[in-house]
Every structure is written in structure tokens, then in C-alpha cells.
Amino acid sequence: GCNIEAHMFADAIDRFKAQGATVDGITAGNTDQLQAFSTETEHCAGKFTVAADANSAIAHQYDAVINLMGRTMDNRTSYVIAPDYSILYSYTDLKPQQHIDLSLDAVTKWRAAHPG
């Protein structure tokens, strides 16, 4: 799912930029492979930054951790954060398909209400 989601965000990056938005990713998984993941065409294609959250500290701060079959893991959550750092929108679902469209919709609505 993370690979698909990263690729989908990379494909949609120009639509986010058109709204003045920046896309960043954070992952607790496979942080030793982050450089390759960030630059490979099949994933982020170098179009956005992915930060390492090796001990899931950020995920815990944002309450984005779940227990799945006895294993603690980061939940797939997308946040739209305003320039004042307030969270405008969050969406949680392990399936990656809706993250891009719903996040872009939130950015577009915010931009319409805050032109310039």
C-alpha cells in the first residue's frame, strides 16, 4: 500500500503544486531504504521528500498507530496542514486509493477560501 500511495502522490504532485501545496511523506518502515524509495520512479520519483520516523514518535504524536493482529504498526493517515500548522483535514485508511483525491480536495477548498 505504501508503495502504491507514494507513486500516486508522485503522479498527482503537479495538481498539489498548482494549489500552492507541498507534499511530504513520513514513514517508520524500511528507513534504511528511504533514499532509494524516495528517488525510484516506481515510488516517489524524487518528486517529494520522505522523512524517517524510525521509532514511530511522529506517528504516536498524531495518533496514527494501530494494533493489527498483535503487531503495532503505523496507520496510513494523510494530513492537510495549513501554513499556521493547524490540521485542516485528516484521512485514515489502509487502502491508498482515496488519500490523494480527498487530500487534494481539502487543499483546493482551503485555497479557494484563502486566495493569494
PDB file of N, CA and C in Angstrom:
ATOM      1  N   GLY A   1       0.788  -1.198   0.000  1.00  0.00           N
ATOM      2  CA  GLY A   1       0.000   0.000   0.000  1.00  0.00           C
ATOM      3  C   GLY A   1       0.830   1.263   0.000  1.00  0.00           C
ATOM      4  N   CYS A   2       1.901   1.286   0.789  1.00  0.00           N
ATOM      5  CA  CYS A   2       2.736   2.497   0.859  1.00  0.00           C
ATOM      6  C   CYS A   2       3.370   2.793  -0.494  1.00  0.00           C
ATOM      7  N   ASN A   3       3.811   1.762  -1.173  1.00  0.00           N
ATOM      8  CA  ASN A   3       4.423   1.950  -2.492  1.00  0.00           C
ATOM      9  C   ASN A   3       3.423   2.535  -3.481  1.00  0.00           C
ATOM     10  N   ILE A   4       2.209   2.002  -3.458  1.00  0.00           N
ATOM     11  CA  ILE A   4       1.154   2.490  -4.359  1.00  0.00           C
ATOM     12  C   ILE A   4       0.818   3.936  -4.022  1.00  0.00           C
ATOM     13  N   GLU A   5       0.649   4.212  -2.733  1.00  0.00           N
ATOM     14  CA  GLU A   5       0.296   5.568  -2.313  1.00  0.00           C
ATOM     15  C   GLU A   5       1.384   6.576  -2.696  1.00  0.00           C
ATOM     16  N   ALA A   6       2.636   6.225  -2.465  1.00  0.00           N
ATOM     17  CA  ALA A   6       3.741   7.118  -2.817  1.00  0.00           C
ATOM     18  C   ALA A   6       3.738   7.400  -4.317  1.00  0.00           C
ATOM     19  N   HIS A   7       3.537   6.376  -5.105  1.00  0.00           N
ATOM     20  CA  HIS A   7       3.508   6.545  -6.560  1.00  0.00           C
ATOM     21  C   HIS A   7       2.332   7.434  -6.971  1.00  0.00           C
ATOM     22  N   MET A   8       1.184   7.239  -6.349  1.00  0.00           N
ATOM     23  CA  MET A   8       0.003   8.039  -6.673  1.00  0.00           C
ATOM     24  C   MET A   8       0.212   9.512  -6.295  1.00  0.00           C
ATOM     25  N   PHE A   9       0.836   9.767  -5.135  1.00  0.00           N
ATOM     26  CA  PHE A   9       1.135  11.147  -4.761  1.00  0.00           C
ATOM     27  C   PHE A   9       2.139  11.753  -5.746  1.00  0.00           C
ATOM     28  N   ALA A  10       3.134  10.987  -6.156  1.00  0.00           N
ATOM     29  CA  ALA A  10       4.111  11.489  -7.129  1.00  0.00           C
ATOM     30  C   ALA A  10       3.425  11.845  -8.447  1.00  0.00           C
ATOM     31  N   ASP A  11       2.500  11.004  -8.884  1.00  0.00           N
ATOM     32  CA  ASP A  11       1.768  11.276 -10.119  1.00  0.00           C
ATOM     33  C   ASP A  11       0.895  12.533 -10.004  1.00  0.00           C
ATOM     34  N   ALA A  12       0.405  12.817  -8.794  1.00  0.00           N
ATOM     35  CA  ALA A  12      -0.504  13.956  -8.580  1.00  0.00           C
ATOM     36  C   ALA A  12       0.215  15.221  -8.115  1.00  0.00           C
ATOM     37  N   ILE A  13       1.526  15.177  -8.014  1.00  0.00           N
ATOM     38  CA  ILE A  13       2.271  16.282  -7.413  1.00  0.00           C
ATOM     39  C   ILE A  13       2.007  17.619  -8.095  1.00  0.00           C
ATOM     40  N   ASP A  14       1.870  17.641  -9.401  1.00  0.00           N
ATOM     41  CA  ASP A  14       1.629  18.905 -10.108  1.00  0.00           C
ATOM     42  C   ASP A  14       0.279  19.514  -9.723  1.00  0.00           C
ATOM     43  N   ARG A  15      -0.714  18.689  -9.439  1.00  0.00           N
ATOM     44  CA  ARG A  15      -2.024  19.206  -9.013  1.00  0.00           C
ATOM     45  C   ARG A  15      -1.930  19.829  -7.624  1.00  0.00           C
ATOM     46  N   PHE A  16      -1.116  19.233  -6.742  1.00  0.00           N
ATOM     47  CA  PHE A  16      -0.911  19.827  -5.419  1.00  0.00           C
ATOM     48  C   PHE A  16      -0.143  21.138  -5.540  1.00  0.00           C
ATOM     49  N   LYS A  17       0.897  21.152  -6.344  1.00  0.00           N
ATOM     50  CA  LYS A  17       1.699  22.367  -6.534  1.00  0.00           C
ATOM     51  C   LYS A  17       0.866  23.499  -7.128  1.00  0.00           C
ATOM     52  N   ALA A  18      -0.065  23.160  -8.010  1.00  0.00           N
ATOM     53  CA  ALA A  18      -0.930  24.171  -8.607  1.00  0.00           C
ATOM     54  C   ALA A  18      -1.777  24.874  -7.556  1.00  0.00           C
ATOM     55  N   GLN A  19      -2.008  24.215  -6.444  1.00  0.00           N
ATOM     56  CA  GLN A  19      -2.760  24.798  -5.333  1.00  0.00           C
ATOM     57  C   GLN A  19      -1.830  25.448  -4.301  1.00  0.00           C
ATOM     58  N   GLY A  20      -0.536  25.430  -4.583  1.00  0.00           N
ATOM     59  CA  GLY A  20       0.435  26.005  -3.657  1.00  0.00           C
ATOM     60  C   GLY A  20       0.786  25.086  -2.507  1.00  0.00           C
ATOM     61  N   ALA A  21       0.487  23.811  -2.635  1.00  0.00           N
ATOM     62  CA  ALA A  21       0.721  22.842  -1.562  1.00  0.00           C
ATOM     63  C   ALA A  21       2.048  22.115  -1.752  1.00  0.00           C
ATOM     64  N   THR A  22       2.619  21.703  -0.650  1.00  0.00           N
ATOM     65  CA  THR A  22       3.825  20.892  -0.628  1.00  0.00           C
ATOM     66  C   THR A  22       3.440  19.510  -0.112  1.00  0.00           C
ATOM     67  N   VAL A  23       3.964  18.476  -0.719  1.00  0.00           N
ATOM     68  CA  VAL A  23       3.714  17.106  -0.282  1.00  0.00           C
ATOM     69  C   VAL A  23       4.982  16.585   0.385  1.00  0.00           C
ATOM     70  N   ASP A  24       4.825  16.063   1.589  1.00  0.00           N
ATOM     71  CA  ASP A  24       5.908  15.396   2.308  1.00  0.00           C
ATOM     72  C   ASP A  24       5.377  14.075   2.822  1.00  0.00           C
ATOM     73  N   GLY A  25       6.229  13.089   2.882  1.00  0.00           N
ATOM     74  CA  GLY A  25       5.856  11.800   3.442  1.00  0.00           C
ATOM     75  C   GLY A  25       6.676  11.506   4.679  1.00  0.00           C
ATOM     76  N   ILE A  26       6.129  10.695   5.544  1.00  0.00           N
ATOM     77  CA  ILE A  26       6.843  10.238   6.739  1.00  0.00           C
ATOM     78  C   ILE A  26       6.577   8.748   6.866  1.00  0.00           C
ATOM     79  N   THR A  27       7.624   7.979   7.122  1.00  0.00           N
ATOM     80  CA  THR A  27       7.466   6.538   7.275  1.00  0.00           C
ATOM     81  C   THR A  27       8.319   6.011   8.411  1.00  0.00           C
ATOM     82  N   ALA A  28       7.781   5.007   9.068  1.00  0.00           N
ATOM     83  CA  ALA A  28       8.544   4.302  10.099  1.00  0.00           C
ATOM     84  C   ALA A  28       9.095   2.995   9.539  1.00  0.00           C
ATOM     85  N   GLY A  29       8.647   2.620   8.364  1.00  0.00           N
ATOM     86  CA  GLY A  29       9.053   1.346   7.791  1.00  0.00           C
ATOM     87  C   GLY A  29      10.237   1.454   6.861  1.00  0.00           C
ATOM     88  N   ASN A  30      11.105   0.485   6.919  1.00  0.00           N
ATOM     89  CA  ASN A  30      12.240   0.372   5.988  1.00  0.00           C
ATOM     90  C   ASN A  30      13.012   1.679   5.834  1.00  0.00           C
ATOM     91  N   THR A  31      13.314   2.318   6.954  1.00  0.00           N
ATOM     92  CA  THR A  31      14.014   3.603   6.883  1.00  0.00           C
ATOM     93  C   THR A  31      15.412   3.462   6.289  1.00  0.00           C
ATOM     94  N   ASP A  32      15.968   2.266   6.317  1.00  0.00           N
ATOM     95  CA  ASP A  32      17.275   2.035   5.708  1.00  0.00           C
ATOM     96  C   ASP A  32      17.208   2.082   4.186  1.00  0.00           C
ATOM     97  N   GLN A  33      16.012   1.995   3.619  1.00  0.00           N
ATOM     98  CA  GLN A  33      15.815   2.014   2.168  1.00  0.00           C
ATOM     99  C   GLN A  33      15.204   3.329   1.682  1.00  0.00           C
ATOM    100  N   LEU A  34      15.164   4.323   2.564  1.00  0.00           N
ATOM    101  CA  LEU A  34      14.462   5.565   2.275  1.00  0.00           C
ATOM    102  C   LEU A  34      15.022   6.324   1.075  1.00  0.00           C
ATOM    103  N   GLN A  35      16.322   6.370   0.942  1.00  0.00           N
ATOM    104  CA  GLN A  35      16.924   7.087  -0.188  1.00  0.00           C
ATOM    105  C   GLN A  35      16.465   6.485  -1.515  1.00  0.00           C
ATOM    106  N   ALA A  36      16.531   5.179  -1.629  1.00  0.00           N
ATOM    107  CA  ALA A  36      16.095   4.529  -2.863  1.00  0.00           C
ATOM    108  C   ALA A  36      14.595   4.712  -3.077  1.00  0.00           C
ATOM    109  N   PHE A  37      13.812   4.558  -2.021  1.00  0.00           N
ATOM    110  CA  PHE A  37      12.357   4.704  -2.102  1.00  0.00           C
ATOM    111  C   PHE A  37      11.984   6.103  -2.600  1.00  0.00           C
ATOM    112  N   SER A  38      12.688   7.110  -2.108  1.00  0.00           N
ATOM    113  CA  SER A  38      12.374   8.498  -2.453  1.00  0.00           C
ATOM    114  C   SER A  38      12.713   8.850  -3.891  1.00  0.00           C
ATOM    115  N   THR A  39      13.692   8.180  -4.462  1.00  0.00           N
ATOM    116  CA  THR A  39      14.149   8.553  -5.799  1.00  0.00           C
ATOM    117  C   THR A  39      13.703   7.604  -6.907  1.00  0.00           C
ATOM    118  N   GLU A  40      13.314   6.395  -6.570  1.00  0.00           N
ATOM    119  CA  GLU A  40      12.934   5.426  -7.606  1.00  0.00           C
ATOM    120  C   GLU A  40      11.665   5.854  -8.321  1.00  0.00           C
ATOM    121  N   THR A  41      11.643   5.658  -9.615  1.00  0.00           N
ATOM    122  CA  THR A  41      10.498   6.030 -10.437  1.00  0.00           C
ATOM    123  C   THR A  41       9.228   5.326  -9.995  1.00  0.00           C
ATOM    124  N   GLU A  42       9.320   4.093  -9.562  1.00  0.00           N
ATOM    125  CA  GLU A  42       8.113   3.349  -9.187  1.00  0.00           C
ATOM    126  C   GLU A  42       7.505   3.817  -7.871  1.00  0.00           C
ATOM    127  N   HIS A  43       8.226   4.645  -7.121  1.00  0.00           N
ATOM    128  CA  HIS A  43       7.699   5.139  -5.845  1.00  0.00           C
ATOM    129  C   HIS A  43       7.550   6.659  -5.907  1.00  0.00           C
ATOM    130  N   CYS A  44       8.384   7.391  -5.236  1.00  0.00           N
ATOM    131  CA  CYS A  44       8.267   8.860  -5.158  1.00  0.00           C
ATOM    132  C   CYS A  44       8.852   9.583  -6.349  1.00  0.00           C
ATOM    133  N   ALA A  45       9.708   8.943  -7.071  1.00  0.00           N
ATOM    134  CA  ALA A  45      10.324   9.508  -8.283  1.00  0.00           C
ATOM    135  C   ALA A  45      11.030  10.837  -8.016  1.00  0.00           C
ATOM    136  N   GLY A  46      11.479  11.047  -6.786  1.00  0.00           N
ATOM    137  CA  GLY A  46      12.180  12.274  -6.444  1.00  0.00           C
ATOM    138  C   GLY A  46      11.295  13.505  -6.424  1.00  0.00           C
ATOM    139  N   LYS A  47       9.984  13.321  -6.426  1.00  0.00           N
ATOM    140  CA  LYS A  47       9.059  14.453  -6.522  1.00  0.00           C
ATOM    141  C   LYS A  47       8.655  15.034  -5.172  1.00  0.00           C
ATOM    142  N   PHE A  48       8.882  14.293  -4.077  1.00  0.00           N
ATOM    143  CA  PHE A  48       8.600  14.826  -2.747  1.00  0.00           C
ATOM    144  C   PHE A  48       9.484  14.133  -1.722  1.00  0.00           C
ATOM    145  N   THR A  49       9.642  14.806  -0.599  1.00  0.00           N
ATOM    146  CA  THR A  49      10.511  14.334   0.467  1.00  0.00           C
ATOM    147  C   THR A  49       9.797  13.290   1.315  1.00  0.00           C
ATOM    148  N   VAL A  50      10.542  12.272   1.740  1.00  0.00           N
ATOM    149  CA  VAL A  50      10.025  11.299   2.696  1.00  0.00           C
ATOM    150  C   VAL A  50      10.993  11.260   3.870  1.00  0.00           C
ATOM    151  N   ALA A  51      10.473  11.552   5.045  1.00  0.00           N
ATOM    152  CA  ALA A  51      11.290  11.580   6.256  1.00  0.00           C
ATOM    153  C   ALA A  51      11.158  10.263   7.008  1.00  0.00           C
ATOM    154  N   ALA A  52      12.201   9.932   7.743  1.00  0.00           N
ATOM    155  CA  ALA A  52      12.213   8.698   8.540  1.00  0.00           C
ATOM    156  C   ALA A  52      11.665   8.971   9.933  1.00  0.00           C
ATOM    157  N   ASP A  53      10.804   8.088  10.376  1.00  0.00           N
ATOM    158  CA  ASP A  53      10.248   8.117  11.730  1.00  0.00           C
ATOM    159  C   ASP A  53      10.575   6.767  12.370  1.00  0.00           C
ATOM    160  N   ALA A  54      11.872   6.534  12.543  1.00  0.00           N
ATOM    161  CA  ALA A  54      12.373   5.205  12.903  1.00  0.00           C
ATOM    162  C   ALA A  54      11.725   4.603  14.145  1.00  0.00           C
ATOM    163  N   ASN A  55      11.399   5.389  15.137  1.00  0.00           N
ATOM    164  CA  ASN A  55      10.789   4.823  16.349  1.00  0.00           C
ATOM    165  C   ASN A  55       9.301   5.141  16.447  1.00  0.00           C
ATOM    166  N   SER A  56       8.703   5.607  15.368  1.00  0.00           N
ATOM    167  CA  SER A  56       7.275   5.954  15.281  1.00  0.00           C
ATOM    168  C   SER A  56       6.868   7.085  16.224  1.00  0.00           C
ATOM    169  N   ALA A  57       7.803   7.904  16.646  1.00  0.00           N
ATOM    170  CA  ALA A  57       7.482   9.006  17.565  1.00  0.00           C
ATOM    171  C   ALA A  57       6.473   9.972  16.940  1.00  0.00           C
ATOM    172  N   ILE A  58       6.667  10.300  15.666  1.00  0.00           N
ATOM    173  CA  ILE A  58       5.743  11.213  14.992  1.00  0.00           C
ATOM    174  C   ILE A  58       4.381  10.554  14.854  1.00  0.00           C
ATOM    175  N   ALA A  59       4.359   9.293  14.473  1.00  0.00           N
ATOM    176  CA  ALA A  59       3.090   8.569  14.340  1.00  0.00           C
ATOM    177  C   ALA A  59       2.332   8.553  15.663  1.00  0.00           C
ATOM    178  N   HIS A  60       3.030   8.362  16.752  1.00  0.00           N
ATOM    179  CA  HIS A  60       2.378   8.372  18.069  1.00  0.00           C
ATOM    180  C   HIS A  60       1.837   9.763  18.401  1.00  0.00           C
ATOM    181  N   GLN A  61       2.580  10.812  18.073  1.00  0.00           N
ATOM    182  CA  GLN A  61       2.120  12.178  18.350  1.00  0.00           C
ATOM    183  C   GLN A  61       0.827  12.495  17.610  1.00  0.00           C
ATOM    184  N   TYR A  62       0.684  11.951  16.420  1.00  0.00           N
ATOM    185  CA  TYR A  62      -0.502  12.207  15.615  1.00  0.00           C
ATOM    186  C   TYR A  62      -1.546  11.093  15.750  1.00  0.00           C
ATOM    187  N   ASP A  63      -1.354  10.213  16.725  1.00  0.00           N
ATOM    188  CA  ASP A  63      -2.286   9.117  16.979  1.00  0.00           C
ATOM    189  C   ASP A  63      -2.548   8.309  15.704  1.00  0.00           C
ATOM    190  N   ALA A  64      -1.484   8.012  14.991  1.00  0.00           N
ATOM    191  CA  ALA A  64      -1.582   7.278  13.732  1.00  0.00           C
ATOM    192  C   ALA A  64      -0.945   5.897  13.853  1.00  0.00           C
ATOM    193  N   VAL A  65      -1.175   5.241  14.982  1.00  0.00           N
ATOM    194  CA  VAL A  65      -0.620   3.907  15.226  1.00  0.00           C
ATOM    195  C   VAL A  65      -1.788   2.972  15.514  1.00  0.00           C
ATOM    196  N   ILE A  66      -1.729   1.786  14.934  1.00  0.00           N
ATOM    197  CA  ILE A  66      -2.780   0.790  15.173  1.00  0.00           C
ATOM    198  C   ILE A  66      -2.149  -0.530  15.606  1.00  0.00           C
ATOM    199  N   ASN A  67      -2.962  -1.382  16.207  1.00  0.00           N
ATOM    200  CA  ASN A  67      -2.538  -2.725  16.556  1.00  0.00           C
ATOM    201  C   ASN A  67      -3.283  -3.661  15.623  1.00  0.00           C
ATOM    202  N   LEU A  68      -2.544  -4.335  14.782  1.00  0.00           N
ATOM    203  CA  LEU A  68      -3.137  -5.219  13.788  1.00  0.00           C
ATOM    204  C   LEU A  68      -2.591  -6.619  13.991  1.00  0.00           C
ATOM    205  N   MET A  69      -3.452  -7.514  14.398  1.00  0.00           N
ATOM    206  CA  MET A  69      -3.094  -8.916  14.645  1.00  0.00           C
ATOM    207  C   MET A  69      -1.900  -9.026  15.591  1.00  0.00           C
ATOM    208  N   GLY A  70      -1.943  -8.231  16.671  1.00  0.00           N
ATOM    209  CA  GLY A  70      -0.900  -8.304  17.685  1.00  0.00           C
ATOM    210  C   GLY A  70       0.375  -7.565  17.343  1.00  0.00           C
ATOM    211  N   ARG A  71       0.385  -6.887  16.237  1.00  0.00           N
ATOM    212  CA  ARG A  71       1.576  -6.145  15.794  1.00  0.00           C
ATOM    213  C   ARG A  71       1.246  -4.653  15.734  1.00  0.00           C
ATOM    214  N   THR A  72       2.050  -3.840  16.379  1.00  0.00           N
ATOM    215  CA  THR A  72       1.847  -2.399  16.335  1.00  0.00           C
ATOM    216  C   THR A  72       2.482  -1.862  15.067  1.00  0.00           C
ATOM    217  N   MET A  73       1.701  -1.070  14.342  1.00  0.00           N
ATOM    218  CA  MET A  73       2.209  -0.501  13.097  1.00  0.00           C
ATOM    219  C   MET A  73       1.594   0.873  12.867  1.00  0.00           C
ATOM    220  N   ASP A  74       2.236   1.638  12.018  1.00  0.00           N
ATOM    221  CA  ASP A  74       1.712   2.951  11.675  1.00  0.00           C
ATOM    222  C   ASP A  74       0.514   2.772  10.762  1.00  0.00           C
ATOM    223  N   ASN A  75      -0.528   3.536  11.059  1.00  0.00           N
ATOM    224  CA  ASN A  75      -1.700   3.529  10.209  1.00  0.00           C
ATOM    225  C   ASN A  75      -1.445   4.467   9.036  1.00  0.00           C
ATOM    226  N   ARG A  76      -2.090   4.239   7.942  1.00  0.00           N
ATOM    227  CA  ARG A  76      -1.896   5.098   6.777  1.00  0.00           C
ATOM    228  C   ARG A  76      -2.837   6.290   6.936  1.00  0.00           C
ATOM    229  N   THR A  77      -2.279   7.420   7.299  1.00  0.00           N
ATOM    230  CA  THR A  77      -3.055   8.634   7.515  1.00  0.00           C
ATOM    231  C   THR A  77      -2.435   9.764   6.710  1.00  0.00           C
ATOM    232  N   SER A  78      -3.292  10.512   6.028  1.00  0.00           N
ATOM    233  CA  SER A  78      -2.862  11.700   5.301  1.00  0.00           C
ATOM    234  C   SER A  78      -3.411  12.915   6.034  1.00  0.00           C
ATOM    235  N   TYR A  79      -2.564  13.925   6.156  1.00  0.00           N
ATOM    236  CA  TYR A  79      -2.952  15.173   6.815  1.00  0.00           C
ATOM    237  C   TYR A  79      -2.762  16.323   5.846  1.00  0.00           C
ATOM    238  N   VAL A  80      -3.677  17.268   5.896  1.00  0.00           N
ATOM    239  CA  VAL A  80      -3.507  18.533   5.207  1.00  0.00           C
ATOM    240  C   VAL A  80      -3.289  19.554   6.309  1.00  0.00           C
ATOM    241  N   ILE A  81      -2.120  20.181   6.275  1.00  0.00           N
ATOM    242  CA  ILE A  81      -1.717  21.103   7.332  1.00  0.00           C
ATOM    243  C   ILE A  81      -1.609  22.504   6.745  1.00  0.00           C
ATOM    244  N   ALA A  82      -2.255  23.449   7.405  1.00  0.00           N
ATOM    245  CA  ALA A  82      -2.279  24.843   6.953  1.00  0.00           C
ATOM    246  C   ALA A  82      -0.940  25.519   7.212  1.00  0.00           C
ATOM    247  N   PRO A  83      -0.702  26.664   6.581  1.00  0.00           N
ATOM    248  CA  PRO A  83       0.542  27.399   6.828  1.00  0.00           C
ATOM    249  C   PRO A  83       0.763  27.745   8.307  1.00  0.00           C
ATOM    250  N   ASP A  84      -0.324  27.853   9.090  1.00  0.00           N
ATOM    251  CA  ASP A  84      -0.164  28.129  10.522  1.00  0.00           C
ATOM    252  C   ASP A  84       0.014  26.836  11.332  1.00  0.00           C
ATOM    253  N   TYR A  85       0.205  25.724  10.641  1.00  0.00           N
ATOM    254  CA  TYR A  85       0.461  24.394  11.214  1.00  0.00           C
ATOM    255  C   TYR A  85      -0.764  23.736  11.846  1.00  0.00           C
ATOM    256  N   SER A  86      -1.932  24.292  11.650  1.00  0.00           N
ATOM    257  CA  SER A  86      -3.138  23.627  12.133  1.00  0.00           C
ATOM    258  C   SER A  86      -3.519  22.525  11.143  1.00  0.00           C
ATOM    259  N   ILE A  87      -4.108  21.471  11.657  1.00  0.00           N
ATOM    260  CA  ILE A  87      -4.528  20.357  10.803  1.00  0.00           C
ATOM    261  C   ILE A  87      -5.903  20.695  10.225  1.00  0.00           C
ATOM    262  N   LEU A  88      -5.950  20.858   8.913  1.00  0.00           N
ATOM    263  CA  LEU A  88      -7.194  21.180   8.229  1.00  0.00           C
ATOM    264  C   LEU A  88      -8.029  19.941   7.946  1.00  0.00           C
ATOM    265  N   TYR A  89      -7.334  18.836   7.721  1.00  0.00           N
ATOM    266  CA  TYR A  89      -8.031  17.622   7.294  1.00  0.00           C
ATOM    267  C   TYR A  89      -7.130  16.430   7.577  1.00  0.00           C
ATOM    268  N   SER A  90      -7.753  15.336   7.974  1.00  0.00           N
ATOM    269  CA  SER A  90      -7.008  14.082   8.079  1.00  0.00           C
ATOM    270  C   SER A  90      -7.882  12.954   7.549  1.00  0.00           C
ATOM    271  N   TYR A  91      -7.231  11.971   6.983  1.00  0.00           N
ATOM    272  CA  TYR A  91      -7.932  10.823   6.413  1.00  0.00           C
ATOM    273  C   TYR A  91      -7.113   9.584   6.714  1.00  0.00           C
ATOM    274  N   THR A  92      -7.763   8.595   7.315  1.00  0.00           N
ATOM    275  CA  THR A  92      -7.092   7.352   7.671  1.00  0.00           C
ATOM    276  C   THR A  92      -7.776   6.185   6.991  1.00  0.00           C
ATOM    277  N   ASP A  93      -7.000   5.419   6.275  1.00  0.00           N
ATOM    278  CA  ASP A  93      -7.484   4.198   5.642  1.00  0.00           C
ATOM    279  C   ASP A  93      -6.257   3.442   5.154  1.00  0.00           C
ATOM    280  N   LEU A  94      -6.217   2.150   5.400  1.00  0.00           N
ATOM    281  CA  LEU A  94      -5.076   1.361   4.950  1.00  0.00           C
ATOM    282  C   LEU A  94      -5.020   1.251   3.427  1.00  0.00           C
ATOM    283  N   LYS A  95      -6.160   1.413   2.765  1.00  0.00           N
ATOM    284  CA  LYS A  95      -6.182   1.386   1.307  1.00  0.00           C
ATOM    285  C   LYS A  95      -5.735   2.757   0.800  1.00  0.00           C
ATOM    286  N   PRO A  96      -4.787   2.800  -0.117  1.00  0.00           N
ATOM    287  CA  PRO A  96      -4.217   4.088  -0.524  1.00  0.00           C
ATOM    288  C   PRO A  96      -5.042   4.909  -1.517  1.00  0.00           C
ATOM    289  N   GLN A  97      -6.025   4.327  -2.155  1.00  0.00           N
ATOM    290  CA  GLN A  97      -6.661   4.967  -3.303  1.00  0.00           C
ATOM    291  C   GLN A  97      -7.273   6.340  -3.016  1.00  0.00           C
ATOM    292  N   GLN A  98      -7.950   6.533  -1.902  1.00  0.00           N
ATOM    293  CA  GLN A  98      -8.661   7.785  -1.650  1.00  0.00           C
ATOM    294  C   GLN A  98      -7.790   8.897  -1.072  1.00  0.00           C
ATOM    295  N   HIS A  99      -6.601   8.564  -0.584  1.00  0.00           N
ATOM    296  CA  HIS A  99      -5.762   9.557   0.087  1.00  0.00           C
ATOM    297  C   HIS A  99      -5.460  10.765  -0.793  1.00  0.00           C
ATOM    298  N   ILE A 100      -5.139  10.541  -2.018  1.00  0.00           N
ATOM    299  CA  ILE A 100      -4.743  11.625  -2.902  1.00  0.00           C
ATOM    300  C   ILE A 100      -5.941  12.513  -3.227  1.00  0.00           C
ATOM    301  N   ASP A 101      -7.026  11.927  -3.691  1.00  0.00           N
ATOM    302  CA  ASP A 101      -8.195  12.710  -4.094  1.00  0.00           C
ATOM    303  C   ASP A 101      -8.785  13.501  -2.930  1.00  0.00           C
ATOM    304  N   LEU A 102      -8.917  12.871  -1.776  1.00  0.00           N
ATOM    305  CA  LEU A 102      -9.513  13.558  -0.633  1.00  0.00           C
ATOM    306  C   LEU A 102      -8.595  14.643  -0.074  1.00  0.00           C
ATOM    307  N   SER A 103      -7.303  14.383  -0.060  1.00  0.00           N
ATOM    308  CA  SER A 103      -6.355  15.397   0.412  1.00  0.00           C
ATOM    309  C   SER A 103      -6.317  16.582  -0.547  1.00  0.00           C
ATOM    310  N   LEU A 104      -6.297  16.310  -1.840  1.00  0.00           N
ATOM    311  CA  LEU A 104      -6.285  17.385  -2.827  1.00  0.00           C
ATOM    312  C   LEU A 104      -7.572  18.200  -2.756  1.00  0.00           C
ATOM    313  N   ASP A 105      -8.688  17.543  -2.518  1.00  0.00           N
ATOM    314  CA  ASP A 105      -9.955  18.248  -2.370  1.00  0.00           C
ATOM    315  C   ASP A 105      -9.905  19.202  -1.170  1.00  0.00           C
ATOM    316  N   ALA A 106      -9.335  18.756  -0.062  1.00  0.00           N
ATOM    317  CA  ALA A 106      -9.210  19.613   1.118  1.00  0.00           C
ATOM    318  C   ALA A 106      -8.299  20.805   0.838  1.00  0.00           C
ATOM    319  N   VAL A 107      -7.199  20.575   0.143  1.00  0.00           N
ATOM    320  CA  VAL A 107      -6.281  21.659  -0.222  1.00  0.00           C
ATOM    321  C   VAL A 107      -6.991  22.654  -1.146  1.00  0.00           C
ATOM    322  N   THR A 108      -7.705  22.155  -2.132  1.00  0.00           N
ATOM    323  CA  THR A 108      -8.408  23.006  -3.093  1.00  0.00           C
ATOM    324  C   THR A 108      -9.455  23.866  -2.394  1.00  0.00           C
ATOM    325  N   LYS A 109     -10.206  23.277  -1.466  1.00  0.00           N
ATOM    326  CA  LYS A 109     -11.218  24.041  -0.721  1.00  0.00           C
ATOM    327  C   LYS A 109     -10.560  25.103   0.150  1.00  0.00           C
ATOM    328  N   TRP A 110      -9.444  24.762   0.789  1.00  0.00           N
ATOM    329  CA  TRP A 110      -8.757  25.743   1.623  1.00  0.00           C
ATOM    330  C   TRP A 110      -8.236  26.888   0.756  1.00  0.00           C
ATOM    331  N   ARG A 111      -7.647  26.546  -0.373  1.00  0.00           N
ATOM    332  CA  ARG A 111      -7.097  27.572  -1.276  1.00  0.00           C
ATOM    333  C   ARG A 111      -8.194  28.488  -1.765  1.00  0.00           C
ATOM    334  N   ALA A 112      -9.379  27.955  -2.077  1.00  0.00           N
ATOM    335  CA  ALA A 112     -10.493  28.784  -2.543  1.00  0.00           C
ATOM    336  C   ALA A 112     -10.924  29.774  -1.457  1.00  0.00           C
ATOM    337  N   ALA A 113     -10.848  29.362  -0.216  1.00  0.00           N
ATOM    338  CA  ALA A 113     -11.232  30.227   0.897  1.00  0.00           C
ATOM    339  C   ALA A 113     -10.112  31.194   1.299  1.00  0.00           C
ATOM    340  N   HIS A 114      -8.886  30.923   0.824  1.00  0.00           N
ATOM    341  CA  HIS A 114      -7.704  31.744   1.170  1.00  0.00           C
ATOM    342  C   HIS A 114      -6.911  32.065  -0.100  1.00  0.00           C
ATOM    343  N   PRO A 115      -7.476  32.822  -1.020  1.00  0.00           N
ATOM    344  CA  PRO A 115      -6.741  33.129  -2.260  1.00  0.00           C
ATOM    345  C   PRO A 115      -5.492  33.962  -1.989  1.00  0.00           C
ATOM    346  N   GLY A 116      -4.527  33.775  -2.866  1.00  0.00           N
ATOM    347  CA  GLY A 116      -3.296  34.571  -2.746  1.00  0.00           C
ATOM    348  C   GLY A 116      -2.323  33.884  -1.969  1.00  0.00           C
TER     349      GLY A 116
END
